Amino acid sequence: MTLTNSKAFSGFAVNDLDKARDFYGEKLGLNTSLQDGLLTLHLAGDRDTLIYLKPDYTPATYTILNFPVEDIGATVDELTTHGVKFERYDGIEQDERGIHRTGGPLIAWFTDPAGNVLSVLQQP
């Protein structure tokens, strides 16, 4: 098949590329580049992710990007000091910092300025 060796990559939309670049680059500390009106996140493991502007944008209602971490508590604390706010969801048990600690990996959700849901998670 012709796609077997294709180095596919993910992408998602936002409603403001400048806000996205500031959030992902400054608040999350990721390497970014902007070229031809497209923002690229240069993620660990050579996993570039494309962010593009979509005029009739609606945020995803599910987690679009997960960041595995070694220490979720320390990561949540650090991101909070950079202005990241962690989400709380009805029906999901979360501690005072927004970390869900039962039934799977330790996980905490937050959103980018466009409302896309992201997470940090720690595998057991």
PDB file of N, CA and C in Angstrom:
ATOM      1  N   MET A   1       0.844  -1.186   0.000  1.00  0.00           N
ATOM      2  CA  MET A   1       0.000   0.000   0.000  1.00  0.00           C
ATOM      3  C   MET A   1       0.885   1.244   0.000  1.00  0.00           C
ATOM      4  N   THR A   2       0.477   2.284  -0.666  1.00  0.00           N
ATOM      5  CA  THR A   2       1.298   3.483  -0.824  1.00  0.00           C
ATOM      6  C   THR A   2       1.477   4.294   0.448  1.00  0.00           C
ATOM      7  N   LEU A   3       0.630   4.127   1.443  1.00  0.00           N
ATOM      8  CA  LEU A   3       0.751   4.902   2.684  1.00  0.00           C
ATOM      9  C   LEU A   3       1.545   4.177   3.769  1.00  0.00           C
ATOM     10  N   THR A   4       1.927   2.944   3.522  1.00  0.00           N
ATOM     11  CA  THR A   4       2.613   2.141   4.526  1.00  0.00           C
ATOM     12  C   THR A   4       3.836   2.839   5.097  1.00  0.00           C
ATOM     13  N   ASN A   5       4.623   3.479   4.289  1.00  0.00           N
ATOM     14  CA  ASN A   5       5.849   4.119   4.752  1.00  0.00           C
ATOM     15  C   ASN A   5       5.730   5.627   4.920  1.00  0.00           C
ATOM     16  N   SER A   6       4.519   6.133   4.820  1.00  0.00           N
ATOM     17  CA  SER A   6       4.298   7.571   4.984  1.00  0.00           C
ATOM     18  C   SER A   6       4.506   7.964   6.437  1.00  0.00           C
ATOM     19  N   LYS A   7       5.233   9.032   6.657  1.00  0.00           N
ATOM     20  CA  LYS A   7       5.457   9.527   8.019  1.00  0.00           C
ATOM     21  C   LYS A   7       4.329  10.485   8.374  1.00  0.00           C
ATOM     22  N   ALA A   8       3.183   9.905   8.683  1.00  0.00           N
ATOM     23  CA  ALA A   8       1.977  10.671   8.986  1.00  0.00           C
ATOM     24  C   ALA A   8       2.178  11.519  10.239  1.00  0.00           C
ATOM     25  N   PHE A   9       1.420  12.586  10.328  1.00  0.00           N
ATOM     26  CA  PHE A   9       1.454  13.453  11.498  1.00  0.00           C
ATOM     27  C   PHE A   9       0.048  13.925  11.797  1.00  0.00           C
ATOM     28  N   SER A  10      -0.165  14.363  13.021  1.00  0.00           N
ATOM     29  CA  SER A  10      -1.474  14.836  13.448  1.00  0.00           C
ATOM     30  C   SER A  10      -1.598  16.332  13.253  1.00  0.00           C
ATOM     31  N   GLY A  11      -2.827  16.784  13.251  1.00  0.00           N
ATOM     32  CA  GLY A  11      -3.095  18.206  13.170  1.00  0.00           C
ATOM     33  C   GLY A  11      -4.443  18.513  13.796  1.00  0.00           C
ATOM     34  N   PHE A  12      -4.603  19.757  14.196  1.00  0.00           N
ATOM     35  CA  PHE A  12      -5.890  20.202  14.726  1.00  0.00           C
ATOM     36  C   PHE A  12      -6.029  21.695  14.498  1.00  0.00           C
ATOM     37  N   ALA A  13      -7.262  22.172  14.623  1.00  0.00           N
ATOM     38  CA  ALA A  13      -7.578  23.565  14.323  1.00  0.00           C
ATOM     39  C   ALA A  13      -7.666  24.419  15.580  1.00  0.00           C
ATOM     40  N   VAL A  14      -7.463  25.708  15.385  1.00  0.00           N
ATOM     41  CA  VAL A  14      -7.673  26.735  16.411  1.00  0.00           C
ATOM     42  C   VAL A  14      -8.308  27.943  15.729  1.00  0.00           C
ATOM     43  N   ASN A  15      -8.742  28.900  16.536  1.00  0.00           N
ATOM     44  CA  ASN A  15      -9.331  30.114  15.972  1.00  0.00           C
ATOM     45  C   ASN A  15      -8.378  31.308  15.999  1.00  0.00           C
ATOM     46  N   ASP A  16      -7.157  31.139  16.570  1.00  0.00           N
ATOM     47  CA  ASP A  16      -6.194  32.230  16.641  1.00  0.00           C
ATOM     48  C   ASP A  16      -4.790  31.637  16.751  1.00  0.00           C
ATOM     49  N   LEU A  17      -4.010  31.726  15.684  1.00  0.00           N
ATOM     50  CA  LEU A  17      -2.667  31.134  15.676  1.00  0.00           C
ATOM     51  C   LEU A  17      -1.709  31.849  16.620  1.00  0.00           C
ATOM     52  N   ASP A  18      -1.833  33.175  16.772  1.00  0.00           N
ATOM     53  CA  ASP A  18      -0.945  33.899  17.684  1.00  0.00           C
ATOM     54  C   ASP A  18      -1.145  33.451  19.124  1.00  0.00           C
ATOM     55  N   LYS A  19      -2.401  33.311  19.543  1.00  0.00           N
ATOM     56  CA  LYS A  19      -2.687  32.835  20.902  1.00  0.00           C
ATOM     57  C   LYS A  19      -2.195  31.404  21.077  1.00  0.00           C
ATOM     58  N   ALA A  20      -2.372  30.588  20.051  1.00  0.00           N
ATOM     59  CA  ALA A  20      -1.908  29.199  20.122  1.00  0.00           C
ATOM     60  C   ALA A  20      -0.387  29.144  20.252  1.00  0.00           C
ATOM     61  N   ARG A  21       0.305  29.959  19.462  1.00  0.00           N
ATOM     62  CA  ARG A  21       1.776  29.956  19.525  1.00  0.00           C
ATOM     63  C   ARG A  21       2.259  30.391  20.906  1.00  0.00           C
ATOM     64  N   ASP A  22       1.640  31.400  21.479  1.00  0.00           N
ATOM     65  CA  ASP A  22       2.007  31.849  22.821  1.00  0.00           C
ATOM     66  C   ASP A  22       1.737  30.753  23.849  1.00  0.00           C
ATOM     67  N   PHE A  23       0.572  30.135  23.783  1.00  0.00           N
ATOM     68  CA  PHE A  23       0.209  29.108  24.750  1.00  0.00           C
ATOM     69  C   PHE A  23       1.150  27.902  24.666  1.00  0.00           C
ATOM     70  N   TYR A  24       1.294  27.350  23.472  1.00  0.00           N
ATOM     71  CA  TYR A  24       2.100  26.141  23.324  1.00  0.00           C
ATOM     72  C   TYR A  24       3.592  26.417  23.502  1.00  0.00           C
ATOM     73  N   GLY A  25       4.043  27.571  23.039  1.00  0.00           N
ATOM     74  CA  GLY A  25       5.458  27.903  23.153  1.00  0.00           C
ATOM     75  C   GLY A  25       5.857  28.437  24.508  1.00  0.00           C
ATOM     76  N   GLU A  26       5.089  29.408  25.020  1.00  0.00           N
ATOM     77  CA  GLU A  26       5.458  30.074  26.277  1.00  0.00           C
ATOM     78  C   GLU A  26       4.925  29.348  27.506  1.00  0.00           C
ATOM     79  N   LYS A  27       3.641  29.041  27.534  1.00  0.00           N
ATOM     80  CA  LYS A  27       3.058  28.414  28.730  1.00  0.00           C
ATOM     81  C   LYS A  27       3.453  26.946  28.871  1.00  0.00           C
ATOM     82  N   LEU A  28       3.468  26.229  27.749  1.00  0.00           N
ATOM     83  CA  LEU A  28       3.810  24.805  27.827  1.00  0.00           C
ATOM     84  C   LEU A  28       5.281  24.535  27.565  1.00  0.00           C
ATOM     85  N   GLY A  29       5.996  25.517  27.023  1.00  0.00           N
ATOM     86  CA  GLY A  29       7.429  25.373  26.799  1.00  0.00           C
ATOM     87  C   GLY A  29       7.808  24.489  25.624  1.00  0.00           C
ATOM     88  N   LEU A  30       6.904  24.324  24.675  1.00  0.00           N
ATOM     89  CA  LEU A  30       7.187  23.481  23.512  1.00  0.00           C
ATOM     90  C   LEU A  30       7.904  24.277  22.425  1.00  0.00           C
ATOM     91  N   ASN A  31       8.688  23.585  21.626  1.00  0.00           N
ATOM     92  CA  ASN A  31       9.310  24.210  20.463  1.00  0.00           C
ATOM     93  C   ASN A  31       8.244  24.344  19.386  1.00  0.00           C
ATOM     94  N   THR A  32       8.150  25.536  18.812  1.00  0.00           N
ATOM     95  CA  THR A  32       7.166  25.785  17.765  1.00  0.00           C
ATOM     96  C   THR A  32       7.837  26.479  16.584  1.00  0.00           C
ATOM     97  N   SER A  33       7.187  26.399  15.443  1.00  0.00           N
ATOM     98  CA  SER A  33       7.609  27.190  14.285  1.00  0.00           C
ATOM     99  C   SER A  33       6.359  27.587  13.517  1.00  0.00           C
ATOM    100  N   LEU A  34       6.439  28.717  12.866  1.00  0.00           N
ATOM    101  CA  LEU A  34       5.330  29.237  12.076  1.00  0.00           C
ATOM    102  C   LEU A  34       5.816  29.429  10.652  1.00  0.00           C
ATOM    103  N   GLN A  35       5.158  28.759   9.717  1.00  0.00           N
ATOM    104  CA  GLN A  35       5.555  28.866   8.316  1.00  0.00           C
ATOM    105  C   GLN A  35       4.316  28.728   7.439  1.00  0.00           C
ATOM    106  N   ASP A  36       4.200  29.633   6.476  1.00  0.00           N
ATOM    107  CA  ASP A  36       3.089  29.604   5.520  1.00  0.00           C
ATOM    108  C   ASP A  36       1.726  29.606   6.213  1.00  0.00           C
ATOM    109  N   GLY A  37       1.620  30.315   7.343  1.00  0.00           N
ATOM    110  CA  GLY A  37       0.355  30.413   8.054  1.00  0.00           C
ATOM    111  C   GLY A  37      -0.037  29.181   8.836  1.00  0.00           C
ATOM    112  N   LEU A  38       0.922  28.287   9.067  1.00  0.00           N
ATOM    113  CA  LEU A  38       0.682  27.066   9.833  1.00  0.00           C
ATOM    114  C   LEU A  38       1.655  27.001  10.999  1.00  0.00           C
ATOM    115  N   LEU A  39       1.155  26.639  12.154  1.00  0.00           N
ATOM    116  CA  LEU A  39       1.978  26.492  13.347  1.00  0.00           C
ATOM    117  C   LEU A  39       2.314  25.020  13.527  1.00  0.00           C
ATOM    118  N   THR A  40       3.584  24.733  13.756  1.00  0.00           N
ATOM    119  CA  THR A  40       3.993  23.354  14.008  1.00  0.00           C
ATOM    120  C   THR A  40       4.530  23.240  15.427  1.00  0.00           C
ATOM    121  N   LEU A  41       4.031  22.239  16.152  1.00  0.00           N
ATOM    122  CA  LEU A  41       4.581  21.874  17.459  1.00  0.00           C
ATOM    123  C   LEU A  41       5.622  20.799  17.199  1.00  0.00           C
ATOM    124  N   HIS A  42       6.837  21.026  17.654  1.00  0.00           N
ATOM    125  CA  HIS A  42       7.907  20.039  17.492  1.00  0.00           C
ATOM    126  C   HIS A  42       7.995  19.257  18.800  1.00  0.00           C
ATOM    127  N   LEU A  43       7.308  18.123  18.833  1.00  0.00           N
ATOM    128  CA  LEU A  43       7.171  17.330  20.052  1.00  0.00           C
ATOM    129  C   LEU A  43       8.273  16.289  20.152  1.00  0.00           C
ATOM    130  N   ALA A  44       8.535  15.851  21.373  1.00  0.00           N
ATOM    131  CA  ALA A  44       9.537  14.814  21.616  1.00  0.00           C
ATOM    132  C   ALA A  44       9.201  13.574  20.799  1.00  0.00           C
ATOM    133  N   GLY A  45      10.217  12.825  20.434  1.00  0.00           N
ATOM    134  CA  GLY A  45      10.017  11.602  19.671  1.00  0.00           C
ATOM    135  C   GLY A  45       9.740  11.856  18.203  1.00  0.00           C
ATOM    136  N   ASP A  46      10.123  13.044  17.736  1.00  0.00           N
ATOM    137  CA  ASP A  46       9.929  13.400  16.329  1.00  0.00           C
ATOM    138  C   ASP A  46       8.463  13.285  15.926  1.00  0.00           C
ATOM    139  N   ARG A  47       7.581  13.828  16.773  1.00  0.00           N
ATOM    140  CA  ARG A  47       6.131  13.751  16.562  1.00  0.00           C
ATOM    141  C   ARG A  47       5.555  15.138  16.301  1.00  0.00           C
ATOM    142  N   ASP A  48       5.987  15.772  15.240  1.00  0.00           N
ATOM    143  CA  ASP A  48       5.468  17.103  14.920  1.00  0.00           C
ATOM    144  C   ASP A  48       3.950  17.067  14.762  1.00  0.00           C
ATOM    145  N   THR A  49       3.310  18.127  15.206  1.00  0.00           N
ATOM    146  CA  THR A  49       1.863  18.265  15.113  1.00  0.00           C
ATOM    147  C   THR A  49       1.553  19.618  14.502  1.00  0.00           C
ATOM    148  N   LEU A  50       0.688  19.622  13.528  1.00  0.00           N
ATOM    149  CA  LEU A  50       0.336  20.826  12.799  1.00  0.00           C
ATOM    150  C   LEU A  50      -0.891  21.490  13.417  1.00  0.00           C
ATOM    151  N   ILE A  51      -0.836  22.809  13.572  1.00  0.00           N
ATOM    152  CA  ILE A  51      -1.988  23.577  14.041  1.00  0.00           C
ATOM    153  C   ILE A  51      -2.334  24.582  12.945  1.00  0.00           C
ATOM    154  N   TYR A  52      -3.595  24.617  12.579  1.00  0.00           N
ATOM    155  CA  TYR A  52      -4.024  25.480  11.495  1.00  0.00           C
ATOM    156  C   TYR A  52      -5.238  26.314  11.913  1.00  0.00           C
ATOM    157  N   LEU A  53      -5.389  27.445  11.258  1.00  0.00           N
ATOM    158  CA  LEU A  53      -6.499  28.353  11.506  1.00  0.00           C
ATOM    159  C   LEU A  53      -7.728  27.869  10.750  1.00  0.00           C
ATOM    160  N   LYS A  54      -8.859  27.846  11.450  1.00  0.00           N
ATOM    161  CA  LYS A  54     -10.113  27.449  10.829  1.00  0.00           C
ATOM    162  C   LYS A  54     -11.152  28.514  11.168  1.00  0.00           C
ATOM    163  N   PRO A  55     -11.625  29.258  10.184  1.00  0.00           N
ATOM    164  CA  PRO A  55     -12.531  30.388  10.443  1.00  0.00           C
ATOM    165  C   PRO A  55     -13.822  30.011  11.172  1.00  0.00           C
ATOM    166  N   ASP A  56     -14.450  28.894  10.826  1.00  0.00           N
ATOM    167  CA  ASP A  56     -15.691  28.494  11.496  1.00  0.00           C
ATOM    168  C   ASP A  56     -15.415  27.454  12.581  1.00  0.00           C
ATOM    169  N   TYR A  57     -14.328  27.659  13.284  1.00  0.00           N
ATOM    170  CA  TYR A  57     -13.790  26.727  14.265  1.00  0.00           C
ATOM    171  C   TYR A  57     -14.761  26.434  15.413  1.00  0.00           C
ATOM    172  N   THR A  58     -14.822  25.183  15.808  1.00  0.00           N
ATOM    173  CA  THR A  58     -15.517  24.731  17.016  1.00  0.00           C
ATOM    174  C   THR A  58     -14.553  23.800  17.738  1.00  0.00           C
ATOM    175  N   PRO A  59     -14.315  24.014  19.045  1.00  0.00           N
ATOM    176  CA  PRO A  59     -13.356  23.150  19.747  1.00  0.00           C
ATOM    177  C   PRO A  59     -13.818  21.692  19.817  1.00  0.00           C
ATOM    178  N   ALA A  60     -12.850  20.816  19.839  1.00  0.00           N
ATOM    179  CA  ALA A  60     -13.139  19.390  19.994  1.00  0.00           C
ATOM    180  C   ALA A  60     -13.728  19.143  21.385  1.00  0.00           C
ATOM    181  N   THR A  61     -14.597  18.175  21.496  1.00  0.00           N
ATOM    182  CA  THR A  61     -15.218  17.836  22.779  1.00  0.00           C
ATOM    183  C   THR A  61     -14.522  16.647  23.434  1.00  0.00           C
ATOM    184  N   TYR A  62     -13.347  16.321  22.959  1.00  0.00           N
ATOM    185  CA  TYR A  62     -12.573  15.190  23.472  1.00  0.00           C
ATOM    186  C   TYR A  62     -11.106  15.620  23.551  1.00  0.00           C
ATOM    187  N   THR A  63     -10.293  14.807  24.195  1.00  0.00           N
ATOM    188  CA  THR A  63      -8.875  15.115  24.343  1.00  0.00           C
ATOM    189  C   THR A  63      -8.170  14.914  23.003  1.00  0.00           C
ATOM    190  N   ILE A  64      -7.520  15.984  22.523  1.00  0.00           N
ATOM    191  CA  ILE A  64      -6.857  15.903  21.221  1.00  0.00           C
ATOM    192  C   ILE A  64      -5.363  15.631  21.321  1.00  0.00           C
ATOM    193  N   LEU A  65      -4.773  15.900  22.505  1.00  0.00           N
ATOM    194  CA  LEU A  65      -3.334  15.735  22.655  1.00  0.00           C
ATOM    195  C   LEU A  65      -3.034  15.376  24.101  1.00  0.00           C
ATOM    196  N   ASN A  66      -2.286  14.287  24.299  1.00  0.00           N
ATOM    197  CA  ASN A  66      -1.911  13.805  25.631  1.00  0.00           C
ATOM    198  C   ASN A  66      -0.409  13.925  25.811  1.00  0.00           C
ATOM    199  N   PHE A  67       0.009  14.412  26.958  1.00  0.00           N
ATOM    200  CA  PHE A  67       1.420  14.537  27.280  1.00  0.00           C
ATOM    201  C   PHE A  67       1.763  13.583  28.426  1.00  0.00           C
ATOM    202  N   PRO A  68       2.408  12.439  28.145  1.00  0.00           N
ATOM    203  CA  PRO A  68       2.840  11.558  29.227  1.00  0.00           C
ATOM    204  C   PRO A  68       3.929  12.244  30.056  1.00  0.00           C
ATOM    205  N   VAL A  69       3.827  12.141  31.367  1.00  0.00           N
ATOM    206  CA  VAL A  69       4.798  12.750  32.277  1.00  0.00           C
ATOM    207  C   VAL A  69       5.192  11.737  33.345  1.00  0.00           C
ATOM    208  N   GLU A  70       6.352  11.959  33.954  1.00  0.00           N
ATOM    209  CA  GLU A  70       6.816  11.056  35.009  1.00  0.00           C
ATOM    210  C   GLU A  70       6.179  11.367  36.346  1.00  0.00           C
ATOM    211  N   ASP A  71       5.921  12.647  36.631  1.00  0.00           N
ATOM    212  CA  ASP A  71       5.364  13.067  37.920  1.00  0.00           C
ATOM    213  C   ASP A  71       4.226  14.049  37.663  1.00  0.00           C
ATOM    214  N   ILE A  72       2.997  13.534  37.682  1.00  0.00           N
ATOM    215  CA  ILE A  72       1.857  14.369  37.328  1.00  0.00           C
ATOM    216  C   ILE A  72       1.655  15.515  38.311  1.00  0.00           C
ATOM    217  N   GLY A  73       1.879  15.264  39.588  1.00  0.00           N
ATOM    218  CA  GLY A  73       1.708  16.330  40.580  1.00  0.00           C
ATOM    219  C   GLY A  73       2.648  17.495  40.332  1.00  0.00           C
ATOM    220  N   ALA A  74       3.916  17.195  40.098  1.00  0.00           N
ATOM    221  CA  ALA A  74       4.900  18.251  39.823  1.00  0.00           C
ATOM    222  C   ALA A  74       4.573  18.974  38.523  1.00  0.00           C
ATOM    223  N   THR A  75       4.122  18.230  37.514  1.00  0.00           N
ATOM    224  CA  THR A  75       3.779  18.845  36.231  1.00  0.00           C
ATOM    225  C   THR A  75       2.579  19.764  36.370  1.00  0.00           C
ATOM    226  N   VAL A  76       1.544  19.312  37.051  1.00  0.00           N
ATOM    227  CA  VAL A  76       0.357  20.153  37.273  1.00  0.00           C
ATOM    228  C   VAL A  76       0.748  21.419  38.027  1.00  0.00           C
ATOM    229  N   ASP A  77       1.562  21.269  39.054  1.00  0.00           N
ATOM    230  CA  ASP A  77       2.003  22.443  39.825  1.00  0.00           C
ATOM    231  C   ASP A  77       2.780  23.425  38.948  1.00  0.00           C
ATOM    232  N   GLU A  78       3.701  22.915  38.133  1.00  0.00           N
ATOM    233  CA  GLU A  78       4.502  23.782  37.270  1.00  0.00           C
ATOM    234  C   GLU A  78       3.631  24.492  36.231  1.00  0.00           C
ATOM    235  N   LEU A  79       2.745  23.752  35.582  1.00  0.00           N
ATOM    236  CA  LEU A  79       1.876  24.366  34.581  1.00  0.00           C
ATOM    237  C   LEU A  79       0.949  25.406  35.211  1.00  0.00           C
ATOM    238  N   THR A  80       0.489  25.132  36.409  1.00  0.00           N
ATOM    239  CA  THR A  80      -0.374  26.091  37.114  1.00  0.00           C
ATOM    240  C   THR A  80       0.364  27.404  37.342  1.00  0.00           C
ATOM    241  N   THR A  81       1.659  27.338  37.677  1.00  0.00           N
ATOM    242  CA  THR A  81       2.429  28.572  37.882  1.00  0.00           C
ATOM    243  C   THR A  81       2.589  29.357  36.578  1.00  0.00           C
ATOM    244  N   HIS A  82       2.424  28.675  35.426  1.00  0.00           N
ATOM    245  CA  HIS A  82       2.494  29.345  34.129  1.00  0.00           C
ATOM    246  C   HIS A  82       1.120  29.788  33.629  1.00  0.00           C
ATOM    247  N   GLY A  83       0.108  29.675  34.484  1.00  0.00           N
ATOM    248  CA  GLY A  83      -1.222  30.168  34.135  1.00  0.00           C
ATOM    249  C   GLY A  83      -2.151  29.151  33.506  1.00  0.00           C
ATOM    250  N   VAL A  84      -1.748  27.885  33.465  1.00  0.00           N
ATOM    251  CA  VAL A  84      -2.624  26.844  32.930  1.00  0.00           C
ATOM    252  C   VAL A  84      -3.658  26.498  33.997  1.00  0.00           C
ATOM    253  N   LYS A  85      -4.924  26.456  33.581  1.00  0.00           N
ATOM    254  CA  LYS A  85      -6.013  26.116  34.497  1.00  0.00           C
ATOM    255  C   LYS A  85      -6.519  24.713  34.172  1.00  0.00           C
ATOM    256  N   PHE A  86      -6.624  23.893  35.190  1.00  0.00           N
ATOM    257  CA  PHE A  86      -7.051  22.512  34.994  1.00  0.00           C
ATOM    258  C   PHE A  86      -8.560  22.398  35.123  1.00  0.00           C
ATOM    259  N   GLU A  87      -9.120  21.570  34.254  1.00  0.00           N
ATOM    260  CA  GLU A  87     -10.568  21.410  34.146  1.00  0.00           C
ATOM    261  C   GLU A  87     -11.102  20.455  35.203  1.00  0.00           C
ATOM    262  N   ARG A  88     -12.369  20.633  35.515  1.00  0.00           N
ATOM    263  CA  ARG A  88     -13.098  19.708  36.383  1.00  0.00           C
ATOM    264  C   ARG A  88     -14.320  19.249  35.617  1.00  0.00           C
ATOM    265  N   TYR A  89     -14.595  17.962  35.683  1.00  0.00           N
ATOM    266  CA  TYR A  89     -15.704  17.393  34.943  1.00  0.00           C
ATOM    267  C   TYR A  89     -16.677  16.709  35.891  1.00  0.00           C
ATOM    268  N   ASP A  90     -17.969  16.974  35.697  1.00  0.00           N
ATOM    269  CA  ASP A  90     -19.011  16.314  36.483  1.00  0.00           C
ATOM    270  C   ASP A  90     -18.928  14.812  36.275  1.00  0.00           C
ATOM    271  N   GLY A  91     -19.055  14.082  37.358  1.00  0.00           N
ATOM    272  CA  GLY A  91     -19.054  12.626  37.283  1.00  0.00           C
ATOM    273  C   GLY A  91     -17.679  11.996  37.255  1.00  0.00           C
ATOM    274  N   ILE A  92     -16.625  12.810  37.264  1.00  0.00           N
ATOM    275  CA  ILE A  92     -15.258  12.279  37.297  1.00  0.00           C
ATOM    276  C   ILE A  92     -14.617  12.734  38.600  1.00  0.00           C
ATOM    277  N   GLU A  93     -14.164  11.778  39.377  1.00  0.00           N
ATOM    278  CA  GLU A  93     -13.531  12.098  40.661  1.00  0.00           C
ATOM    279  C   GLU A  93     -12.140  12.679  40.419  1.00  0.00           C
ATOM    280  N   GLN A  94     -11.920  13.884  40.945  1.00  0.00           N
ATOM    281  CA  GLN A  94     -10.630  14.557  40.794  1.00  0.00           C
ATOM    282  C   GLN A  94     -10.229  15.162  42.130  1.00  0.00           C
ATOM    283  N   ASP A  95      -8.922  15.221  42.377  1.00  0.00           N
ATOM    284  CA  ASP A  95      -8.456  15.818  43.631  1.00  0.00           C
ATOM    285  C   ASP A  95      -8.477  17.339  43.535  1.00  0.00           C
ATOM    286  N   GLU A  96      -7.967  18.006  44.556  1.00  0.00           N
ATOM    287  CA  GLU A  96      -8.018  19.475  44.629  1.00  0.00           C
ATOM    288  C   GLU A  96      -7.240  20.159  43.504  1.00  0.00           C
ATOM    289  N   ARG A  97      -6.319  19.445  42.873  1.00  0.00           N
ATOM    290  CA  ARG A  97      -5.538  20.022  41.767  1.00  0.00           C
ATOM    291  C   ARG A  97      -6.109  19.644  40.402  1.00  0.00           C
ATOM    292  N   GLY A  98      -7.190  18.866  40.398  1.00  0.00           N
ATOM    293  CA  GLY A  98      -7.808  18.463  39.141  1.00  0.00           C
ATOM    294  C   GLY A  98      -7.302  17.145  38.598  1.00  0.00           C
ATOM    295  N   ILE A  99      -6.572  16.390  39.400  1.00  0.00           N
ATOM    296  CA  ILE A  99      -6.000  15.113  38.943  1.00  0.00           C
ATOM    297  C   ILE A  99      -6.979  13.978  39.228  1.00  0.00           C
ATOM    298  N   HIS A 100      -7.303  13.215  38.206  1.00  0.00           N
ATOM    299  CA  HIS A 100      -8.130  12.015  38.331  1.00  0.00           C
ATOM    300  C   HIS A 100      -7.185  10.866  38.678  1.00  0.00           C
ATOM    301  N   ARG A 101      -7.444  10.201  39.809  1.00  0.00           N
ATOM    302  CA  ARG A 101      -6.492   9.206  40.316  1.00  0.00           C
ATOM    303  C   ARG A 101      -7.040   7.782  40.370  1.00  0.00           C
ATOM    304  N   THR A 102      -8.237   7.533  39.854  1.00  0.00           N
ATOM    305  CA  THR A 102      -8.810   6.186  39.935  1.00  0.00           C
ATOM    306  C   THR A 102      -9.211   5.691  38.552  1.00  0.00           C
ATOM    307  N   GLY A 103      -9.089   4.392  38.331  1.00  0.00           N
ATOM    308  CA  GLY A 103      -9.570   3.787  37.095  1.00  0.00           C
ATOM    309  C   GLY A 103      -8.761   4.096  35.858  1.00  0.00           C
ATOM    310  N   GLY A 104      -7.465   3.907  35.910  1.00  0.00           N
ATOM    311  CA  GLY A 104      -6.625   4.154  34.741  1.00  0.00           C
ATOM    312  C   GLY A 104      -5.422   4.979  35.123  1.00  0.00           C
ATOM    313  N   PRO A 105      -4.774   5.585  34.129  1.00  0.00           N
ATOM    314  CA  PRO A 105      -3.606   6.404  34.456  1.00  0.00           C
ATOM    315  C   PRO A 105      -4.026   7.648  35.234  1.00  0.00           C
ATOM    316  N   LEU A 106      -3.115   8.194  36.016  1.00  0.00           N
ATOM    317  CA  LEU A 106      -3.350   9.485  36.644  1.00  0.00           C
ATOM    318  C   LEU A 106      -3.422  10.495  35.515  1.00  0.00           C
ATOM    319  N   ILE A 107      -4.459  11.339  35.504  1.00  0.00           N
ATOM    320  CA  ILE A 107      -4.654  12.244  34.376  1.00  0.00           C
ATOM    321  C   ILE A 107      -5.285  13.552  34.842  1.00  0.00           C
ATOM    322  N   ALA A 108      -4.883  14.640  34.204  1.00  0.00           N
ATOM    323  CA  ALA A 108      -5.470  15.956  34.462  1.00  0.00           C
ATOM    324  C   ALA A 108      -5.653  16.647  33.115  1.00  0.00           C
ATOM    325  N   TRP A 109      -6.807  17.280  32.952  1.00  0.00           N
ATOM    326  CA  TRP A 109      -7.149  17.905  31.677  1.00  0.00           C
ATOM    327  C   TRP A 109      -7.088  19.424  31.767  1.00  0.00           C
ATOM    328  N   PHE A 110      -6.727  20.043  30.647  1.00  0.00           N
ATOM    329  CA  PHE A 110      -6.727  21.500  30.538  1.00  0.00           C
ATOM    330  C   PHE A 110      -7.037  21.848  29.091  1.00  0.00           C
ATOM    331  N   THR A 111      -7.296  23.115  28.827  1.00  0.00           N
ATOM    332  CA  THR A 111      -7.634  23.517  27.469  1.00  0.00           C
ATOM    333  C   THR A 111      -6.655  24.568  26.960  1.00  0.00           C
ATOM    334  N   ASP A 112      -6.516  24.610  25.643  1.00  0.00           N
ATOM    335  CA  ASP A 112      -5.738  25.679  25.020  1.00  0.00           C
ATOM    336  C   ASP A 112      -6.655  26.892  24.849  1.00  0.00           C
ATOM    337  N   PRO A 113      -6.146  28.024  24.395  1.00  0.00           N
ATOM    338  CA  PRO A 113      -6.986  29.220  24.269  1.00  0.00           C
ATOM    339  C   PRO A 113      -8.183  29.042  23.333  1.00  0.00           C
ATOM    340  N   ALA A 114      -8.119  28.078  22.424  1.00  0.00           N
ATOM    341  CA  ALA A 114      -9.224  27.832  21.501  1.00  0.00           C
ATOM    342  C   ALA A 114     -10.270  26.886  22.080  1.00  0.00           C
ATOM    343  N   GLY A 115      -9.976  26.320  23.272  1.00  0.00           N
ATOM    344  CA  GLY A 115     -10.917  25.403  23.905  1.00  0.00           C
ATOM    345  C   GLY A 115     -10.663  23.932  23.623  1.00  0.00           C
ATOM    346  N   ASN A 116      -9.595  23.609  22.897  1.00  0.00           N
ATOM    347  CA  ASN A 116      -9.233  22.211  22.663  1.00  0.00           C
ATOM    348  C   ASN A 116      -8.781  21.579  23.978  1.00  0.00           C
ATOM    349  N   VAL A 117      -9.199  20.337  24.215  1.00  0.00           N
ATOM    350  CA  VAL A 117      -8.866  19.635  25.456  1.00  0.00           C
ATOM    351  C   VAL A 117      -7.545  18.898  25.294  1.00  0.00           C
ATOM    352  N   LEU A 118      -6.655  19.110  26.260  1.00  0.00           N
ATOM    353  CA  LEU A 118      -5.349  18.458  26.327  1.00  0.00           C
ATOM    354  C   LEU A 118      -5.244  17.766  27.680  1.00  0.00           C
ATOM    355  N   SER A 119      -4.278  16.876  27.828  1.00  0.00           N
ATOM    356  CA  SER A 119      -4.066  16.262  29.137  1.00  0.00           C
ATOM    357  C   SER A 119      -2.598  16.022  29.417  1.00  0.00           C
ATOM    358  N   VAL A 120      -2.308  15.922  30.691  1.00  0.00           N
ATOM    359  CA  VAL A 120      -1.051  15.339  31.156  1.00  0.00           C
ATOM    360  C   VAL A 120      -1.443  14.053  31.854  1.00  0.00           C
ATOM    361  N   LEU A 121      -0.681  13.003  31.632  1.00  0.00           N
ATOM    362  CA  LEU A 121      -1.018  11.739  32.273  1.00  0.00           C
ATOM    363  C   LEU A 121       0.237  10.992  32.689  1.00  0.00           C
ATOM    364  N   GLN A 122       0.072  10.266  33.776  1.00  0.00           N
ATOM    365  CA  GLN A 122       1.173   9.472  34.333  1.00  0.00           C
ATOM    366  C   GLN A 122       0.723   8.035  34.373  1.00  0.00           C
ATOM    367  N   GLN A 123       1.448   7.179  33.663  1.00  0.00           N
ATOM    368  CA  GLN A 123       1.124   5.748  33.667  1.00  0.00           C
ATOM    369  C   GLN A 123       1.552   5.138  34.988  1.00  0.00           C
ATOM    370  N   PRO A 124       0.795   4.136  35.456  1.00  0.00           N
ATOM    371  CA  PRO A 124       1.183   3.473  36.717  1.00  0.00           C
ATOM    372  C   PRO A 124       2.502   2.737  36.607  1.00  0.00           C
TER     373      PRO A 124
END
